C-alpha atoms as a PDB file:
ATOM      1  CA  MET A   1    -167.061 -17.564  68.590  1.00  0.00           C
ATOM      2  CA  LYS A   2    -170.135 -15.740  68.708  1.00  0.00           C
ATOM      3  CA  LYS A   3    -170.426 -15.338  72.703  1.00  0.00           C
ATOM      4  CA  THR A   4    -174.249 -16.166  74.000  1.00  0.00           C
ATOM      5  CA  ARG A   5    -176.235 -13.230  75.780  1.00  0.00           C
ATOM      6  CA  PRO A   6    -178.732 -14.639  78.360  1.00  0.00           C
ATOM      7  CA  ALA A   7    -181.751 -12.992  75.981  1.00  0.00           C
ATOM      8  CA  ASP A   8    -180.465 -15.104  73.353  1.00  0.00           C
ATOM      9  CA  ILE A   9    -181.699 -18.479  74.983  1.00  0.00           C
ATOM     10  CA  TYR A  10    -184.641 -16.785  75.497  1.00  0.00           C
ATOM     11  CA  LEU A  11    -185.402 -16.448  72.059  1.00  0.00           C
ATOM     12  CA  ARG A  12    -183.872 -19.597  70.498  1.00  0.00           C
ATOM     13  CA  PHE A  13    -186.451 -20.671  73.879  1.00  0.00           C
ATOM     14  CA  LEU A  14    -189.127 -19.007  71.915  1.00  0.00           C
ATOM     15  CA  GLN A  15    -189.258 -19.768  68.059  1.00  0.00           C
ATOM     16  CA  LEU A  16    -188.588 -23.437  69.158  1.00  0.00           C
ATOM     17  CA  SER A  17    -191.501 -23.128  70.809  1.00  0.00           C
ATOM     18  CA  GLN A  18    -193.915 -20.999  68.054  1.00  0.00           C
ATOM     19  CA  ALA A  19    -192.555 -23.897  65.896  1.00  0.00           C
ATOM     20  CA  LEU A  20    -194.886 -25.895  68.601  1.00  0.00           C
ATOM     21  CA  ARG A  21    -197.511 -24.103  67.311  1.00  0.00           C
ATOM     22  CA  GLY A  22    -196.992 -25.745  63.597  1.00  0.00           C
ATOM     23  CA  LEU A  23    -197.528 -29.390  65.358  1.00  0.00           C
ATOM     24  CA  PRO A  24    -201.055 -30.881  65.156  1.00  0.00           C
ATOM     25  CA  SER A  25    -201.914 -31.255  68.795  1.00  0.00           C
ATOM     26  CA  LEU A  26    -204.566 -29.530  71.027  1.00  0.00           C
ATOM     27  CA  PRO A  27    -206.484 -26.347  69.878  1.00  0.00           C
ATOM     28  CA  GLU A  28    -204.877 -23.129  70.231  1.00  0.00           C
ATOM     29  CA  LEU A  29    -205.987 -21.126  73.630  1.00  0.00           C
ATOM     30  CA  ASP A  30    -205.966 -17.652  73.835  1.00  0.00           C
ATOM     31  CA  PRO A  31    -204.098 -15.151  76.226  1.00  0.00           C
ATOM     32  CA  LEU A  32    -206.888 -15.756  78.734  1.00  0.00           C
ATOM     33  CA  GLU A  33    -206.534 -19.306  78.705  1.00  0.00           C
ATOM     34  CA  GLU A  34    -203.423 -19.348  78.422  1.00  0.00           C
ATOM     35  CA  ARG A  35    -203.088 -18.007  81.726  1.00  0.00           C
ATOM     36  CA  ILE A  36    -205.710 -19.749  83.661  1.00  0.00           C
ATOM     37  CA  LEU A  37    -203.845 -23.490  82.573  1.00  0.00           C
ATOM     38  CA  GLU A  38    -200.297 -22.310  83.910  1.00  0.00           C
ATOM     39  CA  LEU A  39    -202.330 -21.561  87.030  1.00  0.00           C
ATOM     40  CA  VAL A  40    -203.915 -25.196  86.965  1.00  0.00           C
ATOM     41  CA  ALA A  41    -200.341 -25.869  85.881  1.00  0.00           C
ATOM     42  CA  ARG A  42    -198.844 -24.419  88.808  1.00  0.00           C
ATOM     43  CA  ALA A  43    -201.555 -26.133  91.382  1.00  0.00           C
ATOM     44  CA  GLY A  44    -201.233 -29.957  89.785  1.00  0.00           C
ATOM     45  CA  GLN A  45    -197.567 -29.653  90.734  1.00  0.00           C
ATOM     46  CA  THR A  46    -198.221 -28.566  94.198  1.00  0.00           C
ATOM     47  CA  ASP A  47    -200.740 -31.256  94.930  1.00  0.00           C
ATOM     48  CA  GLU A  48    -203.556 -28.422  95.010  1.00  0.00           C
ATOM     49  CA  ARG A  49    -206.579 -29.392  94.350  1.00  0.00           C
ATOM     50  CA  LEU A  50    -208.187 -26.338  91.784  1.00  0.00           C
ATOM     51  CA  SER A  51    -211.816 -26.437  91.912  1.00  0.00           C
ATOM     52  CA  VAL A  52    -214.240 -24.809  89.092  1.00  0.00           C
ATOM     53  CA  ARG A  53    -215.253 -22.100  91.608  1.00  0.00           C
ATOM     54  CA  ASP A  54    -211.553 -21.696  93.178  1.00  0.00           C
ATOM     55  CA  VAL A  55    -210.986 -20.525  89.625  1.00  0.00           C
ATOM     56  CA  MET A  56    -214.028 -18.746  88.788  1.00  0.00           C
ATOM     57  CA  GLY A  57    -213.389 -16.491  92.518  1.00  0.00           C
ATOM     58  CA  ASN A  58    -209.774 -15.380  91.064  1.00  0.00           C
ATOM     59  CA  GLN A  59    -210.377 -11.846  90.969  1.00  0.00           C
ATOM     60  CA  ASP A  60    -207.303 -11.449  88.550  1.00  0.00           C
ATOM     61  CA  LEU A  61    -208.698 -13.936  85.329  1.00  0.00           C
ATOM     62  CA  GLY A  62    -212.338 -11.346  85.505  1.00  0.00           C
ATOM     63  CA  ALA A  63    -214.992 -12.056  85.211  1.00  0.00           C
ATOM     64  CA  PRO A  64    -216.691 -15.209  87.330  1.00  0.00           C
ATOM     65  CA  ALA A  65    -218.848 -16.277  83.878  1.00  0.00           C
ATOM     66  CA  THR A  66    -216.291 -14.835  81.536  1.00  0.00           C
ATOM     67  CA  VAL A  67    -213.445 -17.164  83.173  1.00  0.00           C
ATOM     68  CA  HIS A  68    -216.957 -20.408  83.505  1.00  0.00           C
ATOM     69  CA  ASN A  69    -216.661 -19.527  79.659  1.00  0.00           C
ATOM     70  CA  ARG A  70    -213.595 -20.711  79.115  1.00  0.00           C
ATOM     71  CA  LEU A  71    -212.989 -23.149  81.342  1.00  0.00           C
ATOM     72  CA  LYS A  72    -215.892 -24.748  79.104  1.00  0.00           C
ATOM     73  CA  SER A  73    -213.764 -24.348  75.943  1.00  0.00           C
ATOM     74  CA  MET A  74    -210.171 -24.996  77.652  1.00  0.00           C
ATOM     75  CA  ARG A  75    -212.409 -28.474  78.286  1.00  0.00           C
ATOM     76  CA  GLN A  76    -213.647 -29.055  74.268  1.00  0.00           C
ATOM     77  CA  LYS A  77    -210.728 -27.894  73.245  1.00  0.00           C
ATOM     78  CA  GLY A  78    -208.430 -30.608  75.358  1.00  0.00           C
ATOM     79  CA  TRP A  79    -206.559 -29.316  77.451  1.00  0.00           C
ATOM     80  CA  ILE A  80    -208.419 -29.515  80.803  1.00  0.00           C
ATOM     81  CA  MET A  81    -210.684 -33.107  82.705  1.00  0.00           C
ATOM     82  CA  LEU A  82    -212.878 -32.147  85.684  1.00  0.00           C
ATOM     83  CA  ALA A  83    -212.936 -34.689  88.307  1.00  0.00           C
ATOM     84  CA  ASP A  84    -215.388 -35.288  91.047  1.00  0.00           C
ATOM     85  CA  THR A  85    -213.799 -34.367  94.232  1.00  0.00           C
ATOM     86  CA  GLU A  86    -216.031 -35.838  97.946  1.00  0.00           C
ATOM     87  CA  ASP A  87    -218.530 -32.956  97.449  1.00  0.00           C
ATOM     88  CA  THR A  88    -220.313 -33.394  94.199  1.00  0.00           C
ATOM     89  CA  ARG A  89    -221.502 -30.449  93.420  1.00  0.00           C
ATOM     90  CA  ARG A  90    -217.521 -29.587  93.259  1.00  0.00           C
ATOM     91  CA  LYS A  91    -215.193 -30.355  90.360  1.00  0.00           C
ATOM     92  CA  ARG A  92    -211.705 -30.216  90.346  1.00  0.00           C
ATOM     93  CA  ILE A  93    -209.674 -29.074  86.917  1.00  0.00           C
ATOM     94  CA  GLU A  94    -206.637 -31.458  86.078  1.00  0.00           C
ATOM     95  CA  LEU A  95    -204.593 -30.988  83.131  1.00  0.00           C
ATOM     96  CA  THR A  96    -205.379 -33.732  80.754  1.00  0.00           C
ATOM     97  CA  GLN A  97    -202.222 -36.478  79.332  1.00  0.00           C
ATOM     98  CA  ALA A  98    -202.229 -34.258  75.615  1.00  0.00           C
ATOM     99  CA  ALA A  99    -201.903 -30.971  77.890  1.00  0.00           C
ATOM    100  CA  LEU A 100    -199.284 -32.843  79.872  1.00  0.00           C
ATOM    101  CA  LEU A 101    -197.272 -33.491  76.749  1.00  0.00           C
ATOM    102  CA  HIS A 102    -197.789 -29.767  75.313  1.00  0.00           C
ATOM    103  CA  PHE A 103    -195.449 -29.097  78.523  1.00  0.00           C
ATOM    104  CA  ASP A 104    -193.206 -32.464  78.288  1.00  0.00           C
ATOM    105  CA  ARG A 105    -192.510 -30.002  74.395  1.00  0.00           C
ATOM    106  CA  LEU A 106    -192.086 -26.539  76.276  1.00  0.00           C
ATOM    107  CA  SER A 107    -189.767 -28.478  78.059  1.00  0.00           C
ATOM    108  CA  GLN A 108    -187.393 -30.094  75.425  1.00  0.00           C
ATOM    109  CA  CYS A 109    -187.469 -26.595  73.504  1.00  0.00           C
ATOM    110  CA  MET A 110    -186.025 -24.945  77.308  1.00  0.00           C
ATOM    111  CA  LEU A 111    -183.182 -27.797  76.902  1.00  0.00           C
ATOM    112  CA  ARG A 112    -182.879 -27.441  73.466  1.00  0.00           C
ATOM    113  CA  ALA A 113    -182.450 -23.939  73.577  1.00  0.00           C
ATOM    114  CA  THR A 114    -179.635 -23.776  76.715  1.00  0.00           C
ATOM    115  CA  SER A 115    -177.943 -26.376  74.981  1.00  0.00           C
ATOM    116  CA  PRO A 116    -174.682 -25.608  73.381  1.00  0.00           C
ATOM    117  CA  ASP A 117    -174.881 -27.044  70.207  1.00  0.00           C
ATOM    118  CA  LYS A 118    -178.223 -26.113  69.174  1.00  0.00           C
END
């Protein structure tokens, strides 16, 4: 019996998650949009309120105009939505149900990758 290395599990996860891209779902994201999506998802996990201004002010993501264009693109693609806050000038960024379903599918890929009966 072949011994499984930890790297084998990760590579299997990558293979399974790549297969998700072939399924009909939301349009693909570019690398910057992926980073923004992960930021929004992590904020959602900790119940942190992440506004458009917060994301645009994140120096690690690049110029505010570029980030704003990506947020607009991600809304059009169906990955994120904007919700009202107490201050009508500020909008909170949240994941759509379709984006949450995408993360559920990635989670299933992780579980399958670690499963010994593949």
